[in-house]
Amino acid sequence: MTRLARMSSAEVGLLGLQFVLGMVLNLYIGLPSNGSMSSLPVPSLIVLVLHIVVAFVLVAVAIGIVISALMAKNKSVLSGSLVVVLGVVIAFAAGVVFLYDGQNNIYSLIMALGFLASTAGTQRVRALAVLVRE
């Protein structure tokens, strides 16, 4: 398995985990509208922190996928990797704004769209990774 295939597989797993953590936060926990996270019970705070940590890891792996795609010198893989990193960065930025701007639902939608874009890009990279020699 190539480095691109391993990294894109990891990204898919992390995206799935991020989706589940986000749904748990959205459906079962809810965040204080005043932005003060100190009022959250410890288990809820743990879910939030995990969601944030996974977001940082997703960005790091997405950047790694782009670097590997650049090294592979394959335009199709590179275009897929750029979709991955763009989707993750858009979702990350929307998450930050969502957290600190009163949790407007439009930012939740933007997070979901970023998730979809990065998932599609990751699947494209995974499919094309078999063509790449490293």
N, C-alpha and C. Protein backbone atom coordinates (compact mmCIF):
# COMPACT_ATOMS: atom_id res chain seq x y z
N MET A 1 0.85 -1.18 0.00
CA MET A 1 0.00 0.00 0.00
C MET A 1 0.89 1.24 0.00
N THR A 2 0.60 2.17 -0.88
CA THR A 2 1.41 3.38 -0.99
C THR A 2 1.13 4.33 0.18
N ARG A 3 2.04 5.28 0.34
CA ARG A 3 1.86 6.29 1.39
C ARG A 3 0.56 7.06 1.17
N LEU A 4 0.27 7.39 -0.08
CA LEU A 4 -0.98 8.10 -0.39
C LEU A 4 -2.20 7.27 0.00
N ALA A 5 -2.15 5.98 -0.28
CA ALA A 5 -3.28 5.11 0.07
C ALA A 5 -3.44 5.03 1.58
N ARG A 6 -2.33 4.91 2.31
CA ARG A 6 -2.40 4.85 3.78
C ARG A 6 -2.92 6.16 4.36
N MET A 7 -2.41 7.27 3.86
CA MET A 7 -2.83 8.57 4.39
C MET A 7 -4.29 8.85 4.06
N SER A 8 -4.72 8.51 2.86
CA SER A 8 -6.11 8.76 2.50
C SER A 8 -7.05 7.83 3.27
N SER A 9 -6.60 6.61 3.55
CA SER A 9 -7.40 5.71 4.39
C SER A 9 -7.53 6.26 5.79
N ALA A 10 -6.43 6.78 6.32
CA ALA A 10 -6.47 7.39 7.66
C ALA A 10 -7.41 8.60 7.66
N GLU A 11 -7.36 9.39 6.59
CA GLU A 11 -8.22 10.58 6.51
C GLU A 11 -9.69 10.18 6.49
N VAL A 12 -10.03 9.12 5.77
CA VAL A 12 -11.42 8.65 5.73
C VAL A 12 -11.88 8.24 7.13
N GLY A 13 -11.04 7.49 7.83
CA GLY A 13 -11.38 7.08 9.20
C GLY A 13 -11.55 8.27 10.13
N LEU A 14 -10.64 9.22 10.01
CA LEU A 14 -10.73 10.43 10.85
C LEU A 14 -11.96 11.26 10.50
N LEU A 15 -12.29 11.34 9.22
CA LEU A 15 -13.51 12.07 8.82
C LEU A 15 -14.75 11.40 9.40
N GLY A 16 -14.78 10.08 9.40
CA GLY A 16 -15.90 9.36 10.00
C GLY A 16 -16.00 9.63 11.49
N LEU A 17 -14.87 9.58 12.18
CA LEU A 17 -14.85 9.88 13.62
C LEU A 17 -15.31 11.31 13.87
N GLN A 18 -14.82 12.24 13.05
CA GLN A 18 -15.20 13.65 13.21
C GLN A 18 -16.70 13.84 13.02
N PHE A 19 -17.25 13.15 12.03
CA PHE A 19 -18.69 13.22 11.78
C PHE A 19 -19.47 12.75 13.01
N VAL A 20 -19.09 11.61 13.56
CA VAL A 20 -19.79 11.06 14.73
C VAL A 20 -19.67 12.02 15.93
N LEU A 21 -18.47 12.53 16.19
CA LEU A 21 -18.30 13.47 17.30
C LEU A 21 -19.15 14.72 17.09
N GLY A 22 -19.19 15.23 15.87
CA GLY A 22 -20.00 16.41 15.58
C GLY A 22 -21.49 16.15 15.77
N MET A 23 -21.95 14.99 15.36
CA MET A 23 -23.36 14.64 15.54
C MET A 23 -23.71 14.49 17.02
N VAL A 24 -22.82 13.88 17.79
CA VAL A 24 -23.05 13.76 19.23
C VAL A 24 -23.15 15.15 19.86
N LEU A 25 -22.23 16.04 19.48
CA LEU A 25 -22.28 17.41 20.00
C LEU A 25 -23.57 18.11 19.61
N ASN A 26 -23.97 17.95 18.38
CA ASN A 26 -25.14 18.64 17.86
C ASN A 26 -26.45 18.08 18.43
N LEU A 27 -26.55 16.77 18.48
CA LEU A 27 -27.83 16.16 18.84
C LEU A 27 -28.02 15.92 20.33
N TYR A 28 -26.94 15.60 21.03
CA TYR A 28 -27.09 15.17 22.42
C TYR A 28 -26.48 16.10 23.45
N ILE A 29 -25.58 16.96 23.04
CA ILE A 29 -24.92 17.79 24.04
C ILE A 29 -25.37 19.24 23.93
N GLY A 30 -25.18 19.82 22.79
CA GLY A 30 -25.50 21.24 22.65
C GLY A 30 -24.45 22.08 23.35
N LEU A 31 -24.12 23.18 22.76
CA LEU A 31 -23.10 24.06 23.33
C LEU A 31 -23.75 25.32 23.85
N PRO A 32 -23.19 25.88 24.90
CA PRO A 32 -23.76 27.13 25.44
C PRO A 32 -23.68 28.25 24.40
N SER A 33 -24.75 28.98 24.25
CA SER A 33 -24.80 30.02 23.22
C SER A 33 -23.92 31.23 23.56
N ASN A 34 -23.54 31.35 24.82
CA ASN A 34 -22.70 32.50 25.21
C ASN A 34 -21.22 32.24 24.95
N GLY A 35 -20.87 31.06 24.46
CA GLY A 35 -19.49 30.75 24.14
C GLY A 35 -18.65 30.29 25.32
N SER A 36 -19.24 30.26 26.51
CA SER A 36 -18.52 29.84 27.70
C SER A 36 -18.61 28.33 27.86
N MET A 37 -17.51 27.66 27.59
CA MET A 37 -17.49 26.20 27.64
C MET A 37 -17.29 25.68 29.07
N SER A 38 -17.01 26.58 30.01
CA SER A 38 -16.78 26.16 31.39
C SER A 38 -18.05 25.61 32.05
N SER A 39 -19.20 25.91 31.47
CA SER A 39 -20.46 25.40 32.04
C SER A 39 -20.79 23.99 31.57
N LEU A 40 -20.02 23.46 30.63
CA LEU A 40 -20.27 22.11 30.13
C LEU A 40 -19.84 21.06 31.16
N PRO A 41 -20.62 20.00 31.32
CA PRO A 41 -20.17 18.90 32.17
C PRO A 41 -18.93 18.24 31.55
N VAL A 42 -18.12 17.60 32.37
CA VAL A 42 -16.85 17.02 31.91
C VAL A 42 -17.01 16.07 30.72
N PRO A 43 -17.98 15.12 30.73
CA PRO A 43 -18.10 14.24 29.55
C PRO A 43 -18.39 15.01 28.26
N SER A 44 -19.19 16.05 28.34
CA SER A 44 -19.49 16.86 27.16
C SER A 44 -18.26 17.63 26.70
N LEU A 45 -17.50 18.12 27.65
CA LEU A 45 -16.27 18.85 27.34
C LEU A 45 -15.26 17.92 26.67
N ILE A 46 -15.21 16.67 27.11
CA ILE A 46 -14.29 15.69 26.51
C ILE A 46 -14.66 15.48 25.04
N VAL A 47 -15.94 15.35 24.74
CA VAL A 47 -16.37 15.17 23.35
C VAL A 47 -15.98 16.39 22.52
N LEU A 48 -16.17 17.58 23.05
CA LEU A 48 -15.82 18.81 22.35
C LEU A 48 -14.31 18.87 22.08
N VAL A 49 -13.53 18.57 23.10
CA VAL A 49 -12.07 18.61 22.95
C VAL A 49 -11.61 17.57 21.91
N LEU A 50 -12.19 16.38 21.96
CA LEU A 50 -11.85 15.36 20.96
C LEU A 50 -12.19 15.84 19.55
N HIS A 51 -13.34 16.50 19.41
CA HIS A 51 -13.76 17.03 18.11
C HIS A 51 -12.73 18.06 17.60
N ILE A 52 -12.24 18.88 18.49
CA ILE A 52 -11.25 19.90 18.13
C ILE A 52 -9.91 19.26 17.78
N VAL A 53 -9.48 18.29 18.59
CA VAL A 53 -8.20 17.62 18.33
C VAL A 53 -8.24 16.88 16.99
N VAL A 54 -9.32 16.18 16.73
CA VAL A 54 -9.45 15.46 15.45
C VAL A 54 -9.42 16.46 14.29
N ALA A 55 -9.98 17.65 14.47
CA ALA A 55 -9.95 18.67 13.42
C ALA A 55 -8.51 19.05 13.08
N PHE A 56 -7.68 19.25 14.10
CA PHE A 56 -6.27 19.58 13.86
C PHE A 56 -5.55 18.43 13.16
N VAL A 57 -5.83 17.21 13.57
CA VAL A 57 -5.20 16.04 12.94
C VAL A 57 -5.65 15.92 11.48
N LEU A 58 -6.92 16.18 11.22
CA LEU A 58 -7.43 16.15 9.84
C LEU A 58 -6.68 17.15 8.95
N VAL A 59 -6.45 18.34 9.47
CA VAL A 59 -5.71 19.35 8.70
C VAL A 59 -4.29 18.86 8.42
N ALA A 60 -3.63 18.31 9.44
CA ALA A 60 -2.26 17.83 9.28
C ALA A 60 -2.18 16.70 8.25
N VAL A 61 -3.09 15.74 8.33
CA VAL A 61 -3.08 14.62 7.38
C VAL A 61 -3.41 15.12 5.97
N ALA A 62 -4.33 16.06 5.86
CA ALA A 62 -4.67 16.62 4.54
C ALA A 62 -3.46 17.30 3.91
N ILE A 63 -2.71 18.03 4.71
CA ILE A 63 -1.49 18.67 4.20
C ILE A 63 -0.48 17.60 3.77
N GLY A 64 -0.38 16.53 4.55
CA GLY A 64 0.50 15.42 4.18
C GLY A 64 0.08 14.77 2.87
N ILE A 65 -1.22 14.67 2.65
CA ILE A 65 -1.72 14.10 1.39
C ILE A 65 -1.32 14.99 0.22
N VAL A 66 -1.43 16.30 0.39
CA VAL A 66 -1.03 17.22 -0.68
C VAL A 66 0.46 17.10 -0.96
N ILE A 67 1.27 17.03 0.09
CA ILE A 67 2.72 16.89 -0.10
C ILE A 67 3.04 15.59 -0.83
N SER A 68 2.40 14.50 -0.43
CA SER A 68 2.63 13.22 -1.11
C SER A 68 2.17 13.27 -2.56
N ALA A 69 1.06 13.96 -2.82
CA ALA A 69 0.56 14.10 -4.19
C ALA A 69 1.53 14.92 -5.03
N LEU A 70 2.11 15.95 -4.45
CA LEU A 70 3.11 16.74 -5.18
C LEU A 70 4.32 15.89 -5.52
N MET A 71 4.74 15.07 -4.58
CA MET A 71 5.89 14.19 -4.82
C MET A 71 5.58 13.13 -5.88
N ALA A 72 4.32 12.71 -5.95
CA ALA A 72 3.92 11.69 -6.92
C ALA A 72 3.85 12.25 -8.34
N LYS A 73 3.74 13.55 -8.47
CA LYS A 73 3.70 14.23 -9.78
C LYS A 73 2.58 13.69 -10.67
N ASN A 74 1.41 13.53 -10.06
CA ASN A 74 0.24 13.06 -10.81
C ASN A 74 -0.84 14.12 -10.66
N LYS A 75 -1.24 14.75 -11.77
CA LYS A 75 -2.18 15.87 -11.71
C LYS A 75 -3.55 15.46 -11.15
N SER A 76 -4.02 14.27 -11.47
CA SER A 76 -5.32 13.82 -10.97
C SER A 76 -5.28 13.62 -9.46
N VAL A 77 -4.21 13.03 -8.98
CA VAL A 77 -4.05 12.84 -7.53
C VAL A 77 -3.91 14.19 -6.84
N LEU A 78 -3.15 15.09 -7.45
CA LEU A 78 -2.97 16.41 -6.86
C LEU A 78 -4.29 17.17 -6.79
N SER A 79 -5.10 17.10 -7.83
CA SER A 79 -6.39 17.81 -7.80
C SER A 79 -7.28 17.23 -6.70
N GLY A 80 -7.30 15.92 -6.54
CA GLY A 80 -8.06 15.31 -5.46
C GLY A 80 -7.55 15.73 -4.09
N SER A 81 -6.23 15.80 -3.96
CA SER A 81 -5.65 16.18 -2.66
C SER A 81 -5.96 17.64 -2.32
N LEU A 82 -6.03 18.48 -3.33
CA LEU A 82 -6.38 19.89 -3.08
C LEU A 82 -7.83 20.02 -2.63
N VAL A 83 -8.70 19.18 -3.16
CA VAL A 83 -10.10 19.16 -2.70
C VAL A 83 -10.15 18.72 -1.24
N VAL A 84 -9.33 17.73 -0.88
CA VAL A 84 -9.28 17.26 0.51
C VAL A 84 -8.90 18.40 1.44
N VAL A 85 -7.78 19.04 1.16
CA VAL A 85 -7.29 20.08 2.07
C VAL A 85 -8.23 21.29 2.08
N LEU A 86 -8.80 21.64 0.94
CA LEU A 86 -9.73 22.77 0.89
C LEU A 86 -10.98 22.47 1.72
N GLY A 87 -11.54 21.27 1.56
CA GLY A 87 -12.72 20.89 2.33
C GLY A 87 -12.46 20.87 3.82
N VAL A 88 -11.31 20.34 4.22
CA VAL A 88 -10.98 20.27 5.65
C VAL A 88 -10.77 21.67 6.22
N VAL A 89 -10.06 22.51 5.49
CA VAL A 89 -9.80 23.88 5.98
C VAL A 89 -11.09 24.68 6.06
N ILE A 90 -11.97 24.53 5.07
CA ILE A 90 -13.26 25.23 5.11
C ILE A 90 -14.08 24.75 6.31
N ALA A 91 -14.14 23.44 6.53
CA ALA A 91 -14.89 22.90 7.67
C ALA A 91 -14.28 23.37 8.98
N PHE A 92 -12.95 23.39 9.06
CA PHE A 92 -12.26 23.84 10.27
C PHE A 92 -12.59 25.30 10.57
N ALA A 93 -12.48 26.14 9.55
CA ALA A 93 -12.76 27.57 9.74
C ALA A 93 -14.22 27.79 10.13
N ALA A 94 -15.13 27.07 9.50
CA ALA A 94 -16.56 27.20 9.85
C ALA A 94 -16.79 26.74 11.28
N GLY A 95 -16.07 25.71 11.72
CA GLY A 95 -16.20 25.24 13.10
C GLY A 95 -15.75 26.28 14.11
N VAL A 96 -14.65 26.95 13.81
CA VAL A 96 -14.16 28.01 14.70
C VAL A 96 -15.17 29.14 14.79
N VAL A 97 -15.68 29.57 13.64
CA VAL A 97 -16.67 30.65 13.63
C VAL A 97 -17.96 30.20 14.33
N PHE A 98 -18.37 28.96 14.08
CA PHE A 98 -19.57 28.42 14.71
C PHE A 98 -19.45 28.48 16.24
N LEU A 99 -18.30 28.11 16.74
CA LEU A 99 -18.08 28.05 18.18
C LEU A 99 -18.10 29.44 18.82
N TYR A 100 -17.56 30.43 18.12
CA TYR A 100 -17.41 31.76 18.72
C TYR A 100 -18.38 32.80 18.21
N ASP A 101 -19.33 32.41 17.35
CA ASP A 101 -20.27 33.39 16.81
C ASP A 101 -21.71 32.98 17.05
N GLY A 102 -21.99 32.44 18.21
CA GLY A 102 -23.37 32.15 18.58
C GLY A 102 -23.98 30.94 17.92
N GLN A 103 -23.17 30.10 17.30
CA GLN A 103 -23.62 28.84 16.72
C GLN A 103 -24.71 29.01 15.67
N ASN A 104 -24.45 29.88 14.74
CA ASN A 104 -25.36 30.08 13.62
C ASN A 104 -25.36 28.82 12.76
N ASN A 105 -26.55 28.35 12.39
CA ASN A 105 -26.67 27.10 11.63
C ASN A 105 -25.99 27.13 10.27
N ILE A 106 -25.79 28.31 9.69
CA ILE A 106 -25.12 28.37 8.40
C ILE A 106 -23.71 27.81 8.49
N TYR A 107 -23.04 28.03 9.64
CA TYR A 107 -21.68 27.50 9.81
C TYR A 107 -21.70 25.99 10.00
N SER A 108 -22.74 25.48 10.57
CA SER A 108 -22.90 24.04 10.68
C SER A 108 -23.06 23.44 9.28
N LEU A 109 -23.83 24.10 8.43
CA LEU A 109 -23.99 23.65 7.05
C LEU A 109 -22.66 23.71 6.30
N ILE A 110 -21.91 24.79 6.50
CA ILE A 110 -20.61 24.92 5.82
C ILE A 110 -19.66 23.81 6.30
N MET A 111 -19.69 23.48 7.59
CA MET A 111 -18.88 22.36 8.09
C MET A 111 -19.27 21.07 7.37
N ALA A 112 -20.56 20.84 7.22
CA ALA A 112 -21.03 19.62 6.55
C ALA A 112 -20.60 19.59 5.09
N LEU A 113 -20.67 20.72 4.41
CA LEU A 113 -20.25 20.77 3.01
C LEU A 113 -18.74 20.56 2.87
N GLY A 114 -17.98 21.13 3.80
CA GLY A 114 -16.53 20.89 3.81
C GLY A 114 -16.22 19.42 4.03
N PHE A 115 -16.98 18.80 4.94
CA PHE A 115 -16.83 17.36 5.20
C PHE A 115 -17.09 16.56 3.93
N LEU A 116 -18.18 16.88 3.22
CA LEU A 116 -18.52 16.17 1.99
C LEU A 116 -17.44 16.34 0.92
N ALA A 117 -16.95 17.56 0.77
CA ALA A 117 -15.91 17.82 -0.23
C ALA A 117 -14.63 17.04 0.11
N SER A 118 -14.23 17.09 1.36
CA SER A 118 -13.00 16.39 1.74
C SER A 118 -13.16 14.88 1.64
N THR A 119 -14.33 14.37 1.94
CA THR A 119 -14.58 12.93 1.79
C THR A 119 -14.51 12.53 0.32
N ALA A 120 -15.10 13.31 -0.55
CA ALA A 120 -15.06 13.01 -1.98
C ALA A 120 -13.62 13.08 -2.51
N GLY A 121 -12.90 14.11 -2.11
CA GLY A 121 -11.50 14.23 -2.54
C GLY A 121 -10.65 13.09 -2.03
N THR A 122 -10.89 12.69 -0.78
CA THR A 122 -10.12 11.59 -0.20
C THR A 122 -10.39 10.28 -0.93
N GLN A 123 -11.64 10.05 -1.27
CA GLN A 123 -11.98 8.83 -2.02
C GLN A 123 -11.32 8.84 -3.40
N ARG A 124 -11.26 10.00 -4.03
CA ARG A 124 -10.60 10.12 -5.33
C ARG A 124 -9.11 9.80 -5.19
N VAL A 125 -8.48 10.35 -4.17
CA VAL A 125 -7.05 10.10 -3.95
C VAL A 125 -6.83 8.61 -3.67
N ARG A 126 -7.68 8.01 -2.84
CA ARG A 126 -7.54 6.58 -2.55
C ARG A 126 -7.66 5.74 -3.81
N ALA A 127 -8.62 6.08 -4.65
CA ALA A 127 -8.83 5.31 -5.89
C ALA A 127 -7.65 5.44 -6.83
N LEU A 128 -7.04 6.63 -6.89
CA LEU A 128 -5.93 6.87 -7.81
C LEU A 128 -4.58 6.47 -7.22
N ALA A 129 -4.52 6.25 -5.93
CA ALA A 129 -3.25 5.94 -5.26
C ALA A 129 -2.62 4.66 -5.80
N VAL A 130 -3.42 3.76 -6.29
CA VAL A 130 -2.88 2.50 -6.82
C VAL A 130 -2.06 2.74 -8.11
N LEU A 131 -2.29 3.86 -8.77
CA LEU A 131 -1.58 4.18 -10.00
C LEU A 131 -0.24 4.85 -9.73
N VAL A 132 -0.04 5.28 -8.51
CA VAL A 132 1.14 6.08 -8.17
C VAL A 132 2.26 5.17 -7.66
N ARG A 133 3.44 5.38 -8.17
CA ARG A 133 4.62 4.67 -7.68
C ARG A 133 5.40 5.61 -6.78
N GLU A 134 5.71 5.14 -5.59
CA GLU A 134 6.47 5.99 -4.65
C GLU A 134 7.84 5.40 -4.42
